[in-house]
Every structure is written in C-alpha cells, then in structure tokens.
Amino acid sequence: SLDNVPKEVRDAVKLCVLDSISVALGAADYELIKNITNTYFRMGII
C-alpha cells in the first residue's frame, strides 16, 4: 500500500515516472517509431 511506503520512495517514484514518460515522448517522432505506427495505422491495428 502506498500509505505504508516511505516518503522518499513516494517522491522518487514520481521522478522515475517523469523520466520514463519524457523519454518516450521524445521518441514520438523518431523515424523507426513513425514507420511502425504508420504501418499499424494502414493495417487498421490502431
């Protein structure tokens, strides 16, 4: 339970999330990612 987790862990986990999401968003226009998503879109997967 988050209620029983030390505060330093609760603070640190949010930085882990921020770092991970920002790195992913930075790759949204990465050429390989765009090629994959375009293929998936054309095939109706997304």
PDB file of all heavy atoms in Angstrom:
ATOM      1  N   SER A   1       0.855  -1.191   0.000  1.00  0.00           N
ATOM      2  CA  SER A   1       0.000   0.000   0.000  1.00  0.00           C
ATOM      3  C   SER A   1       0.887   1.236   0.000  1.00  0.00           C
ATOM      4  O   SER A   1       1.881   1.290   0.736  1.00  0.00           O
ATOM      5  CB  SER A   1      -0.903   0.015   1.231  1.00  0.00           C
ATOM      6  OG  SER A   1      -1.545   1.267   1.363  1.00  0.00           O
ATOM      7  N   LEU A   2       0.526   2.206  -0.801  1.00  0.00           N
ATOM      8  CA  LEU A   2       1.311   3.434  -0.866  1.00  0.00           C
ATOM      9  C   LEU A   2       1.378   4.115   0.504  1.00  0.00           C
ATOM     10  O   LEU A   2       2.368   4.778   0.828  1.00  0.00           O
ATOM     11  CB  LEU A   2       0.701   4.385  -1.896  1.00  0.00           C
ATOM     12  CG  LEU A   2       1.578   5.562  -2.336  1.00  0.00           C
ATOM     13  CD1 LEU A   2       2.818   5.081  -3.077  1.00  0.00           C
ATOM     14  CD2 LEU A   2       0.779   6.521  -3.211  1.00  0.00           C
ATOM     15  N   ASP A   3       0.358   3.914   1.314  1.00  0.00           N
ATOM     16  CA  ASP A   3       0.321   4.536   2.640  1.00  0.00           C
ATOM     17  C   ASP A   3       1.450   4.037   3.538  1.00  0.00           C
ATOM     18  O   ASP A   3       1.859   4.744   4.469  1.00  0.00           O
ATOM     19  CB  ASP A   3      -1.022   4.245   3.322  1.00  0.00           C
ATOM     20  CG  ASP A   3      -2.197   4.870   2.588  1.00  0.00           C
ATOM     21  OD1 ASP A   3      -1.990   5.896   1.912  1.00  0.00           O
ATOM     22  OD2 ASP A   3      -3.310   4.314   2.670  1.00  0.00           O
ATOM     23  N   ASN A   4       1.943   2.848   3.256  1.00  0.00           N
ATOM     24  CA  ASN A   4       2.991   2.253   4.094  1.00  0.00           C
ATOM     25  C   ASN A   4       4.387   2.344   3.472  1.00  0.00           C
ATOM     26  O   ASN A   4       5.343   1.797   4.002  1.00  0.00           O
ATOM     27  CB  ASN A   4       2.658   0.783   4.376  1.00  0.00           C
ATOM     28  CG  ASN A   4       1.350   0.633   5.126  1.00  0.00           C
ATOM     29  OD1 ASN A   4       1.000   1.470   5.956  1.00  0.00           O
ATOM     30  ND2 ASN A   4       0.614  -0.426   4.835  1.00  0.00           N
ATOM     31  N   VAL A   5       4.466   3.038   2.358  1.00  0.00           N
ATOM     32  CA  VAL A   5       5.746   3.193   1.662  1.00  0.00           C
ATOM     33  C   VAL A   5       6.439   4.454   2.171  1.00  0.00           C
ATOM     34  O   VAL A   5       5.791   5.497   2.324  1.00  0.00           O
ATOM     35  CB  VAL A   5       5.510   3.288   0.133  1.00  0.00           C
ATOM     36  CG1 VAL A   5       6.797   3.662  -0.589  1.00  0.00           C
ATOM     37  CG2 VAL A   5       4.973   1.958  -0.390  1.00  0.00           C
ATOM     38  N   PRO A   6       7.748   4.403   2.446  1.00  0.00           N
ATOM     39  CA  PRO A   6       8.460   5.591   2.924  1.00  0.00           C
ATOM     40  C   PRO A   6       8.310   6.781   1.973  1.00  0.00           C
ATOM     41  O   PRO A   6       8.227   6.611   0.753  1.00  0.00           O
ATOM     42  CB  PRO A   6       9.917   5.119   2.992  1.00  0.00           C
ATOM     43  CG  PRO A   6       9.831   3.646   3.147  1.00  0.00           C
ATOM     44  CD  PRO A   6       8.628   3.222   2.365  1.00  0.00           C
ATOM     45  N   LYS A   7       8.309   7.976   2.537  1.00  0.00           N
ATOM     46  CA  LYS A   7       8.126   9.192   1.743  1.00  0.00           C
ATOM     47  C   LYS A   7       9.196   9.330   0.656  1.00  0.00           C
ATOM     48  O   LYS A   7       8.897   9.770  -0.461  1.00  0.00           O
ATOM     49  CB  LYS A   7       8.148  10.430   2.634  1.00  0.00           C
ATOM     50  CG  LYS A   7       7.865  11.737   1.874  1.00  0.00           C
ATOM     51  CD  LYS A   7       7.892  12.946   2.775  1.00  0.00           C
ATOM     52  CE  LYS A   7       7.522  14.222   2.002  1.00  0.00           C
ATOM     53  NZ  LYS A   7       8.426  14.478   0.868  1.00  0.00           N
ATOM     54  N   GLU A   8      10.417   8.967   0.959  1.00  0.00           N
ATOM     55  CA  GLU A   8      11.476   9.115  -0.048  1.00  0.00           C
ATOM     56  C   GLU A   8      11.204   8.234  -1.264  1.00  0.00           C
ATOM     57  O   GLU A   8      11.553   8.593  -2.401  1.00  0.00           O
ATOM     58  CB  GLU A   8      12.856   8.787   0.544  1.00  0.00           C
ATOM     59  CG  GLU A   8      13.025   7.365   1.026  1.00  0.00           C
ATOM     60  CD  GLU A   8      14.442   7.077   1.492  1.00  0.00           C
ATOM     61  OE1 GLU A   8      15.374   7.767   1.023  1.00  0.00           O
ATOM     62  OE2 GLU A   8      14.613   6.158   2.317  1.00  0.00           O
ATOM     63  N   VAL A   9      10.551   7.111  -1.052  1.00  0.00           N
ATOM     64  CA  VAL A   9      10.180   6.239  -2.166  1.00  0.00           C
ATOM     65  C   VAL A   9       9.022   6.847  -2.944  1.00  0.00           C
ATOM     66  O   VAL A   9       9.014   6.836  -4.182  1.00  0.00           O
ATOM     67  CB  VAL A   9       9.822   4.830  -1.657  1.00  0.00           C
ATOM     68  CG1 VAL A   9       9.378   3.932  -2.821  1.00  0.00           C
ATOM     69  CG2 VAL A   9      11.005   4.204  -0.927  1.00  0.00           C
ATOM     70  N   ARG A  10       8.040   7.401  -2.228  1.00  0.00           N
ATOM     71  CA  ARG A  10       6.911   8.042  -2.902  1.00  0.00           C
ATOM     72  C   ARG A  10       7.371   9.218  -3.748  1.00  0.00           C
ATOM     73  O   ARG A  10       6.831   9.472  -4.827  1.00  0.00           O
ATOM     74  CB  ARG A  10       5.868   8.506  -1.873  1.00  0.00           C
ATOM     75  CG  ARG A  10       5.264   7.385  -1.045  1.00  0.00           C
ATOM     76  CD  ARG A  10       3.971   7.802  -0.369  1.00  0.00           C
ATOM     77  NE  ARG A  10       4.108   8.981   0.480  1.00  0.00           N
ATOM     78  CZ  ARG A  10       4.410   8.949   1.776  1.00  0.00           C
ATOM     79  NH1 ARG A  10       4.620   7.772   2.373  1.00  0.00           N
ATOM     80  NH2 ARG A  10       4.494  10.054   2.484  1.00  0.00           N
ATOM     81  N   ASP A  11       8.358   9.940  -3.272  1.00  0.00           N
ATOM     82  CA  ASP A  11       8.899  11.061  -4.044  1.00  0.00           C
ATOM     83  C   ASP A  11       9.710  10.562  -5.238  1.00  0.00           C
ATOM     84  O   ASP A  11       9.605  11.095  -6.348  1.00  0.00           O
ATOM     85  CB  ASP A  11       9.781  11.943  -3.153  1.00  0.00           C
ATOM     86  CG  ASP A  11       8.985  12.687  -2.095  1.00  0.00           C
ATOM     87  OD1 ASP A  11       7.753  12.834  -2.263  1.00  0.00           O
ATOM     88  OD2 ASP A  11       9.594  13.114  -1.088  1.00  0.00           O
ATOM     89  N   ALA A  12      10.511   9.541  -5.003  1.00  0.00           N
ATOM     90  CA  ALA A  12      11.396   9.027  -6.055  1.00  0.00           C
ATOM     91  C   ALA A  12      10.619   8.388  -7.194  1.00  0.00           C
ATOM     92  O   ALA A  12      11.002   8.511  -8.367  1.00  0.00           O
ATOM     93  CB  ALA A  12      12.383   8.027  -5.459  1.00  0.00           C
ATOM     94  N   VAL A  13       9.529   7.706  -6.873  1.00  0.00           N
ATOM     95  CA  VAL A  13       8.797   7.011  -7.930  1.00  0.00           C
ATOM     96  C   VAL A  13       8.214   7.997  -8.939  1.00  0.00           C
ATOM     97  O   VAL A  13       8.156   7.713 -10.146  1.00  0.00           O
ATOM     98  CB  VAL A  13       7.701   6.091  -7.340  1.00  0.00           C
ATOM     99  CG1 VAL A  13       6.580   6.884  -6.669  1.00  0.00           C
ATOM    100  CG2 VAL A  13       7.127   5.185  -8.428  1.00  0.00           C
ATOM    101  N   LYS A  14       7.827   9.177  -8.478  1.00  0.00           N
ATOM    102  CA  LYS A  14       7.279  10.172  -9.415  1.00  0.00           C
ATOM    103  C   LYS A  14       8.361  10.679 -10.372  1.00  0.00           C
ATOM    104  O   LYS A  14       8.075  10.957 -11.547  1.00  0.00           O
ATOM    105  CB  LYS A  14       6.628  11.318  -8.645  1.00  0.00           C
ATOM    106  CG  LYS A  14       5.318  10.912  -7.968  1.00  0.00           C
ATOM    107  CD  LYS A  14       4.591  12.077  -7.323  1.00  0.00           C
ATOM    108  CE  LYS A  14       5.246  12.518  -6.024  1.00  0.00           C
ATOM    109  NZ  LYS A  14       4.451  13.550  -5.329  1.00  0.00           N
ATOM    110  N   LEU A  15       9.582  10.772  -9.891  1.00  0.00           N
ATOM    111  CA  LEU A  15      10.686  11.158 -10.781  1.00  0.00           C
ATOM    112  C   LEU A  15      10.986  10.047 -11.778  1.00  0.00           C
ATOM    113  O   LEU A  15      11.337  10.315 -12.939  1.00  0.00           O
ATOM    114  CB  LEU A  15      11.930  11.497  -9.959  1.00  0.00           C
ATOM    115  CG  LEU A  15      11.829  12.772  -9.111  1.00  0.00           C
ATOM    116  CD1 LEU A  15      13.107  12.959  -8.292  1.00  0.00           C
ATOM    117  CD2 LEU A  15      11.582  13.998  -9.983  1.00  0.00           C
ATOM    118  N   CYS A  16      10.846   8.792 -11.348  1.00  0.00           N
ATOM    119  CA  CYS A  16      11.016   7.666 -12.266  1.00  0.00           C
ATOM    120  C   CYS A  16       9.977   7.737 -13.388  1.00  0.00           C
ATOM    121  O   CYS A  16      10.296   7.534 -14.568  1.00  0.00           O
ATOM    122  CB  CYS A  16      10.868   6.335 -11.522  1.00  0.00           C
ATOM    123  SG  CYS A  16      12.223   5.912 -10.418  1.00  0.00           S
ATOM    124  N   VAL A  17       8.757   8.033 -13.000  1.00  0.00           N
ATOM    125  CA  VAL A  17       7.674   8.137 -13.989  1.00  0.00           C
ATOM    126  C   VAL A  17       7.932   9.290 -14.948  1.00  0.00           C
ATOM    127  O   VAL A  17       7.795   9.150 -16.173  1.00  0.00           O
ATOM    128  CB  VAL A  17       6.316   8.311 -13.287  1.00  0.00           C
ATOM    129  CG1 VAL A  17       5.216   8.592 -14.309  1.00  0.00           C
ATOM    130  CG2 VAL A  17       5.981   7.065 -12.469  1.00  0.00           C
ATOM    131  N   LEU A  18       8.318  10.448 -14.412  1.00  0.00           N
ATOM    132  CA  LEU A  18       8.587  11.606 -15.258  1.00  0.00           C
ATOM    133  C   LEU A  18       9.701  11.316 -16.254  1.00  0.00           C
ATOM    134  O   LEU A  18       9.580  11.606 -17.451  1.00  0.00           O
ATOM    135  CB  LEU A  18       8.967  12.814 -14.400  1.00  0.00           C
ATOM    136  CG  LEU A  18       9.363  14.076 -15.179  1.00  0.00           C
ATOM    137  CD1 LEU A  18       8.210  14.578 -16.033  1.00  0.00           C
ATOM    138  CD2 LEU A  18       9.845  15.166 -14.221  1.00  0.00           C
ATOM    139  N   ASP A  19      10.789  10.728 -15.774  1.00  0.00           N
ATOM    140  CA  ASP A  19      11.916  10.430 -16.649  1.00  0.00           C
ATOM    141  C   ASP A  19      11.491   9.464 -17.752  1.00  0.00           C
ATOM    142  O   ASP A  19      11.818   9.664 -18.933  1.00  0.00           O
ATOM    143  CB  ASP A  19      13.060   9.832 -15.822  1.00  0.00           C
ATOM    144  CG  ASP A  19      14.375   9.786 -16.592  1.00  0.00           C
ATOM    145  OD1 ASP A  19      14.782  10.818 -17.160  1.00  0.00           O
ATOM    146  OD2 ASP A  19      15.004   8.709 -16.638  1.00  0.00           O
ATOM    147  N   SER A  20      10.744   8.438 -17.399  1.00  0.00           N
ATOM    148  CA  SER A  20      10.342   7.420 -18.371  1.00  0.00           C
ATOM    149  C   SER A  20       9.369   7.959 -19.405  1.00  0.00           C
ATOM    150  O   SER A  20       9.510   7.692 -20.604  1.00  0.00           O
ATOM    151  CB  SER A  20       9.721   6.222 -17.640  1.00  0.00           C
ATOM    152  OG  SER A  20      10.657   5.612 -16.783  1.00  0.00           O
ATOM    153  N   ILE A  21       8.378   8.726 -18.959  1.00  0.00           N
ATOM    154  CA  ILE A  21       7.395   9.262 -19.905  1.00  0.00           C
ATOM    155  C   ILE A  21       8.029  10.299 -20.828  1.00  0.00           C
ATOM    156  O   ILE A  21       7.763  10.324 -22.037  1.00  0.00           O
ATOM    157  CB  ILE A  21       6.200   9.856 -19.141  1.00  0.00           C
ATOM    158  CG1 ILE A  21       5.366   8.726 -18.530  1.00  0.00           C
ATOM    159  CG2 ILE A  21       5.328  10.709 -20.061  1.00  0.00           C
ATOM    160  CD1 ILE A  21       4.159   9.186 -17.731  1.00  0.00           C
ATOM    161  N   SER A  22       8.896  11.137 -20.292  1.00  0.00           N
ATOM    162  CA  SER A  22       9.510  12.171 -21.132  1.00  0.00           C
ATOM    163  C   SER A  22      10.409  11.559 -22.196  1.00  0.00           C
ATOM    164  O   SER A  22      10.434  12.022 -23.345  1.00  0.00           O
ATOM    165  CB  SER A  22      10.303  13.154 -20.272  1.00  0.00           C
ATOM    166  OG  SER A  22      11.410  12.542 -19.638  1.00  0.00           O
ATOM    167  N   VAL A  23      11.123  10.513 -21.835  1.00  0.00           N
ATOM    168  CA  VAL A  23      11.990   9.836 -22.810  1.00  0.00           C
ATOM    169  C   VAL A  23      11.151   9.206 -23.921  1.00  0.00           C
ATOM    170  O   VAL A  23      11.526   9.248 -25.103  1.00  0.00           O
ATOM    171  CB  VAL A  23      12.852   8.773 -22.090  1.00  0.00           C
ATOM    172  CG1 VAL A  23      13.520   7.856 -23.091  1.00  0.00           C
ATOM    173  CG2 VAL A  23      13.897   9.453 -21.219  1.00  0.00           C
ATOM    174  N   ALA A  24       9.999   8.635 -23.545  1.00  0.00           N
ATOM    175  CA  ALA A  24       9.110   8.056 -24.555  1.00  0.00           C
ATOM    176  C   ALA A  24       8.524   9.137 -25.461  1.00  0.00           C
ATOM    177  O   ALA A  24       8.487   8.986 -26.694  1.00  0.00           O
ATOM    178  CB  ALA A  24       7.992   7.271 -23.872  1.00  0.00           C
ATOM    179  N   LEU A  25       8.083  10.242 -24.866  1.00  0.00           N
ATOM    180  CA  LEU A  25       7.508  11.326 -25.668  1.00  0.00           C
ATOM    181  C   LEU A  25       8.552  11.927 -26.603  1.00  0.00           C
ATOM    182  O   LEU A  25       8.228  12.358 -27.710  1.00  0.00           O
ATOM    183  CB  LEU A  25       6.924  12.403 -24.754  1.00  0.00           C
ATOM    184  CG  LEU A  25       5.641  12.027 -24.012  1.00  0.00           C
ATOM    185  CD1 LEU A  25       5.234  13.146 -23.063  1.00  0.00           C
ATOM    186  CD2 LEU A  25       4.515  11.723 -24.985  1.00  0.00           C
ATOM    187  N   GLY A  26       9.796  11.941 -26.156  1.00  0.00           N
ATOM    188  CA  GLY A  26      10.860  12.446 -27.014  1.00  0.00           C
ATOM    189  C   GLY A  26      11.082  11.594 -28.249  1.00  0.00           C
ATOM    190  O   GLY A  26      11.674  12.046 -29.227  1.00  0.00           O
ATOM    191  N   ALA A  27      10.598  10.344 -28.210  1.00  0.00           N
ATOM    192  CA  ALA A  27      10.769   9.427 -29.350  1.00  0.00           C
ATOM    193  C   ALA A  27       9.531   9.337 -30.224  1.00  0.00           C
ATOM    194  O   ALA A  27       9.490   8.536 -31.160  1.00  0.00           O
ATOM    195  CB  ALA A  27      11.127   8.035 -28.833  1.00  0.00           C
ATOM    196  N   ALA A  28       8.511  10.145 -29.927  1.00  0.00           N
ATOM    197  CA  ALA A  28       7.247  10.043 -30.675  1.00  0.00           C
ATOM    198  C   ALA A  28       7.444  10.290 -32.172  1.00  0.00           C
ATOM    199  O   ALA A  28       6.727   9.713 -32.996  1.00  0.00           O
ATOM    200  CB  ALA A  28       6.224  11.032 -30.115  1.00  0.00           C
ATOM    201  N   ASP A  29       8.417  11.130 -32.536  1.00  0.00           N
ATOM    202  CA  ASP A  29       8.684  11.403 -33.949  1.00  0.00           C
ATOM    203  C   ASP A  29       9.950  10.712 -34.451  1.00  0.00           C
ATOM    204  O   ASP A  29      10.447  11.008 -35.536  1.00  0.00           O
ATOM    205  CB  ASP A  29       8.822  12.920 -34.178  1.00  0.00           C
ATOM    206  CG  ASP A  29       7.476  13.632 -34.119  1.00  0.00           C
ATOM    207  OD1 ASP A  29       6.464  13.002 -34.467  1.00  0.00           O
ATOM    208  OD2 ASP A  29       7.442  14.801 -33.706  1.00  0.00           O
ATOM    209  N   TYR A  30      10.467   9.795 -33.665  1.00  0.00           N
ATOM    210  CA  TYR A  30      11.636   9.005 -34.065  1.00  0.00           C
ATOM    211  C   TYR A  30      11.279   8.208 -35.322  1.00  0.00           C
ATOM    212  O   TYR A  30      10.196   7.627 -35.424  1.00  0.00           O
ATOM    213  CB  TYR A  30      12.004   8.075 -32.917  1.00  0.00           C
ATOM    214  CG  TYR A  30      13.289   7.299 -33.065  1.00  0.00           C
ATOM    215  CD1 TYR A  30      14.511   7.942 -33.137  1.00  0.00           C
ATOM    216  CD2 TYR A  30      13.268   5.908 -33.081  1.00  0.00           C
ATOM    217  CE1 TYR A  30      15.686   7.226 -33.238  1.00  0.00           C
ATOM    218  CE2 TYR A  30      14.440   5.173 -33.178  1.00  0.00           C
ATOM    219  CZ  TYR A  30      15.648   5.842 -33.262  1.00  0.00           C
ATOM    220  OH  TYR A  30      16.810   5.113 -33.363  1.00  0.00           O
ATOM    221  N   GLU A  31      12.156   8.185 -36.310  1.00  0.00           N
ATOM    222  CA  GLU A  31      11.807   7.632 -37.618  1.00  0.00           C
ATOM    223  C   GLU A  31      11.275   6.201 -37.544  1.00  0.00           C
ATOM    224  O   GLU A  31      10.262   5.870 -38.175  1.00  0.00           O
ATOM    225  CB  GLU A  31      13.022   7.690 -38.548  1.00  0.00           C
ATOM    226  CG  GLU A  31      12.711   7.201 -39.961  1.00  0.00           C
ATOM    227  CD  GLU A  31      13.900   7.308 -40.894  1.00  0.00           C
ATOM    228  OE1 GLU A  31      15.004   7.660 -40.414  1.00  0.00           O
ATOM    229  OE2 GLU A  31      13.726   7.035 -42.093  1.00  0.00           O
ATOM    230  N   LEU A  32      11.944   5.350 -36.786  1.00  0.00           N
ATOM    231  CA  LEU A  32      11.502   3.958 -36.710  1.00  0.00           C
ATOM    232  C   LEU A  32      10.120   3.856 -36.073  1.00  0.00           C
ATOM    233  O   LEU A  32       9.268   3.083 -36.531  1.00  0.00           O
ATOM    234  CB  LEU A  32      12.512   3.129 -35.911  1.00  0.00           C
ATOM    235  CG  LEU A  32      12.189   1.644 -35.730  1.00  0.00           C
ATOM    236  CD1 LEU A  32      12.022   0.952 -37.080  1.00  0.00           C
ATOM    237  CD2 LEU A  32      13.270   0.952 -34.908  1.00  0.00           C
ATOM    238  N   ILE A  33       9.883   4.638 -35.022  1.00  0.00           N
ATOM    239  CA  ILE A  33       8.573   4.632 -34.374  1.00  0.00           C
ATOM    240  C   ILE A  33       7.497   5.105 -35.348  1.00  0.00           C
ATOM    241  O   ILE A  33       6.405   4.520 -35.442  1.00  0.00           O
ATOM    242  CB  ILE A  33       8.581   5.520 -33.110  1.00  0.00           C
ATOM    243  CG1 ILE A  33       9.552   4.958 -32.060  1.00  0.00           C
ATOM    244  CG2 ILE A  33       7.172   5.658 -32.533  1.00  0.00           C
ATOM    245  CD1 ILE A  33       9.199   3.593 -31.540  1.00  0.00           C
ATOM    246  N   LYS A  34       7.779   6.162 -36.095  1.00  0.00           N
ATOM    247  CA  LYS A  34       6.804   6.664 -37.071  1.00  0.00           C
ATOM    248  C   LYS A  34       6.502   5.612 -38.140  1.00  0.00           C
ATOM    249  O   LYS A  34       5.345   5.447 -38.546  1.00  0.00           O
ATOM    250  CB  LYS A  34       7.314   7.954 -37.730  1.00  0.00           C
ATOM    251  CG  LYS A  34       7.271   9.165 -36.819  1.00  0.00           C
ATOM    252  CD  LYS A  34       7.389  10.464 -37.589  1.00  0.00           C
ATOM    253  CE  LYS A  34       8.740  10.599 -38.256  1.00  0.00           C
ATOM    254  NZ  LYS A  34       8.895  11.921 -38.904  1.00  0.00           N
ATOM    255  N   ASN A  35       7.534   4.910 -38.595  1.00  0.00           N
ATOM    256  CA  ASN A  35       7.322   3.872 -39.608  1.00  0.00           C
ATOM    257  C   ASN A  35       6.441   2.748 -39.066  1.00  0.00           C
ATOM    258  O   ASN A  35       5.567   2.228 -39.762  1.00  0.00           O
ATOM    259  CB  ASN A  35       8.661   3.305 -40.072  1.00  0.00           C
ATOM    260  CG  ASN A  35       9.469   4.298 -40.885  1.00  0.00           C
ATOM    261  OD1 ASN A  35       8.927   5.280 -41.388  1.00  0.00           O
ATOM    262  ND2 ASN A  35      10.766   4.061 -41.009  1.00  0.00           N
ATOM    263  N   ILE A  36       6.687   2.367 -37.807  1.00  0.00           N
ATOM    264  CA  ILE A  36       5.895   1.298 -37.190  1.00  0.00           C
ATOM    265  C   ILE A  36       4.448   1.726 -37.032  1.00  0.00           C
ATOM    266  O   ILE A  36       3.518   0.997 -37.399  1.00  0.00           O
ATOM    267  CB  ILE A  36       6.494   0.907 -35.829  1.00  0.00           C
ATOM    268  CG1 ILE A  36       7.862   0.235 -36.029  1.00  0.00           C
ATOM    269  CG2 ILE A  36       5.554  -0.029 -35.066  1.00  0.00           C
ATOM    270  CD1 ILE A  36       8.656   0.074 -34.748  1.00  0.00           C
ATOM    271  N   THR A  37       4.236   2.928 -36.485  1.00  0.00           N
ATOM    272  CA  THR A  37       2.862   3.380 -36.263  1.00  0.00           C
ATOM    273  C   THR A  37       2.120   3.607 -37.578  1.00  0.00           C
ATOM    274  O   THR A  37       0.914   3.335 -37.662  1.00  0.00           O
ATOM    275  CB  THR A  37       2.833   4.667 -35.416  1.00  0.00           C
ATOM    276  OG1 THR A  37       3.670   5.667 -36.019  1.00  0.00           O
ATOM    277  CG2 THR A  37       3.338   4.393 -33.997  1.00  0.00           C
ATOM    278  N   ASN A  38       2.820   4.050 -38.602  1.00  0.00           N
ATOM    279  CA  ASN A  38       2.179   4.215 -39.915  1.00  0.00           C
ATOM    280  C   ASN A  38       1.731   2.867 -40.474  1.00  0.00           C
ATOM    281  O   ASN A  38       0.642   2.745 -41.048  1.00  0.00           O
ATOM    282  CB  ASN A  38       3.133   4.901 -40.894  1.00  0.00           C
ATOM    283  CG  ASN A  38       3.296   6.383 -40.611  1.00  0.00           C
ATOM    284  OD1 ASN A  38       2.462   6.998 -39.953  1.00  0.00           O
ATOM    285  ND2 ASN A  38       4.379   6.967 -41.098  1.00  0.00           N
ATOM    286  N   THR A  39       2.571   1.865 -40.322  1.00  0.00           N
ATOM    287  CA  THR A  39       2.212   0.519 -40.784  1.00  0.00           C
ATOM    288  C   THR A  39       0.997  -0.003 -40.020  1.00  0.00           C
ATOM    289  O   THR A  39       0.049  -0.530 -40.608  1.00  0.00           O
ATOM    290  CB  THR A  39       3.390  -0.447 -40.595  1.00  0.00           C
ATOM    291  OG1 THR A  39       4.483  -0.024 -41.410  1.00  0.00           O
ATOM    292  CG2 THR A  39       3.003  -1.867 -40.989  1.00  0.00           C
ATOM    293  N   TYR A  40       1.025   0.163 -38.700  1.00  0.00           N
ATOM    294  CA  TYR A  40      -0.098  -0.297 -37.876  1.00  0.00           C
ATOM    295  C   TYR A  40      -1.390   0.437 -38.238  1.00  0.00           C
ATOM    296  O   TYR A  40      -2.467  -0.157 -38.252  1.00  0.00           O
ATOM    297  CB  TYR A  40       0.226  -0.081 -36.389  1.00  0.00           C
ATOM    298  CG  TYR A  40       1.082  -1.161 -35.766  1.00  0.00           C
ATOM    299  CD1 TYR A  40       2.118  -1.774 -36.478  1.00  0.00           C
ATOM    300  CD2 TYR A  40       0.884  -1.572 -34.460  1.00  0.00           C
ATOM    301  CE1 TYR A  40       2.904  -2.755 -35.914  1.00  0.00           C
ATOM    302  CE2 TYR A  40       1.668  -2.560 -33.875  1.00  0.00           C
ATOM    303  CZ  TYR A  40       2.681  -3.148 -34.606  1.00  0.00           C
ATOM    304  OH  TYR A  40       3.456  -4.119 -34.040  1.00  0.00           O
ATOM    305  N   PHE A  41      -1.264   1.733 -38.538  1.00  0.00           N
ATOM    306  CA  PHE A  41      -2.445   2.526 -38.890  1.00  0.00           C
ATOM    307  C   PHE A  41      -3.033   2.048 -40.217  1.00  0.00           C
ATOM    308  O   PHE A  41      -4.248   1.868 -40.340  1.00  0.00           O
ATOM    309  CB  PHE A  41      -2.086   4.008 -38.965  1.00  0.00           C
ATOM    310  CG  PHE A  41      -3.268   4.909 -39.168  1.00  0.00           C
ATOM    311  CD1 PHE A  41      -4.059   5.292 -38.093  1.00  0.00           C
ATOM    312  CD2 PHE A  41      -3.607   5.358 -40.434  1.00  0.00           C
ATOM    313  CE1 PHE A  41      -5.161   6.120 -38.282  1.00  0.00           C
ATOM    314  CE2 PHE A  41      -4.697   6.184 -40.631  1.00  0.00           C
ATOM    315  CZ  PHE A  41      -5.480   6.565 -39.556  1.00  0.00           C
ATOM    316  N   ARG A  42      -2.169   1.849 -41.203  1.00  0.00           N
ATOM    317  CA  ARG A  42      -2.648   1.411 -42.523  1.00  0.00           C
ATOM    318  C   ARG A  42      -3.329   0.047 -42.457  1.00  0.00           C
ATOM    319  O   ARG A  42      -4.255  -0.242 -43.220  1.00  0.00           O
ATOM    320  CB  ARG A  42      -1.481   1.362 -43.512  1.00  0.00           C
ATOM    321  CG  ARG A  42      -0.978   2.731 -43.963  1.00  0.00           C
ATOM    322  CD  ARG A  42      -0.099   2.617 -45.188  1.00  0.00           C
ATOM    323  NE  ARG A  42       1.065   1.783 -44.946  1.00  0.00           N
ATOM    324  CZ  ARG A  42       2.228   2.231 -44.492  1.00  0.00           C
ATOM    325  NH1 ARG A  42       2.367   3.529 -44.230  1.00  0.00           N
ATOM    326  NH2 ARG A  42       3.241   1.412 -44.308  1.00  0.00           N
ATOM    327  N   MET A  43      -2.874  -0.798 -41.545  1.00  0.00           N
ATOM    328  CA  MET A  43      -3.443  -2.138 -41.416  1.00  0.00           C
ATOM    329  C   MET A  43      -4.633  -2.178 -40.464  1.00  0.00           C
ATOM    330  O   MET A  43      -5.214  -3.241 -40.227  1.00  0.00           O
ATOM    331  CB  MET A  43      -2.368  -3.116 -40.939  1.00  0.00           C
ATOM    332  CG  MET A  43      -1.236  -3.290 -41.938  1.00  0.00           C
ATOM    333  SD  MET A  43      -0.064  -4.583 -41.466  1.00  0.00           S
ATOM    334  CE  MET A  43      -1.096  -6.048 -41.671  1.00  0.00           C
ATOM    335  N   GLY A  44      -5.009  -1.020 -39.899  1.00  0.00           N
ATOM    336  CA  GLY A  44      -6.175  -0.956 -39.031  1.00  0.00           C
ATOM    337  C   GLY A  44      -5.941  -1.469 -37.627  1.00  0.00           C
ATOM    338  O   GLY A  44      -6.891  -1.677 -36.867  1.00  0.00           O
ATOM    339  N   ILE A  45      -4.680  -1.669 -37.259  1.00  0.00           N
ATOM    340  CA  ILE A  45      -4.359  -2.156 -35.913  1.00  0.00           C
ATOM    341  C   ILE A  45      -4.560  -1.045 -34.888  1.00  0.00           C
ATOM    342  O   ILE A  45      -4.956  -1.293 -33.753  1.00  0.00           O
ATOM    343  CB  ILE A  45      -2.915  -2.693 -35.868  1.00  0.00           C
ATOM    344  CG1 ILE A  45      -2.770  -3.864 -36.838  1.00  0.00           C
ATOM    345  CG2 ILE A  45      -2.531  -3.122 -34.449  1.00  0.00           C
ATOM    346  CD1 ILE A  45      -1.337  -4.339 -37.022  1.00  0.00           C
ATOM    347  N   ILE A  46      -4.292   0.182 -35.317  1.00  0.00           N
ATOM    348  CA  ILE A  46      -4.525   1.346 -34.475  1.00  0.00           C
ATOM    349  C   ILE A  46      -5.412   2.320 -35.227  1.00  0.00           C
ATOM    350  O   ILE A  46      -5.563   2.230 -36.444  1.00  0.00           O
ATOM    351  CB  ILE A  46      -3.209   2.042 -34.074  1.00  0.00           C
ATOM    352  CG1 ILE A  46      -2.410   2.429 -35.316  1.00  0.00           C
ATOM    353  CG2 ILE A  46      -2.386   1.151 -33.170  1.00  0.00           C
ATOM    354  CD1 ILE A  46      -1.116   3.162 -35.004  1.00  0.00           C
TER     355      ILE A  46
END
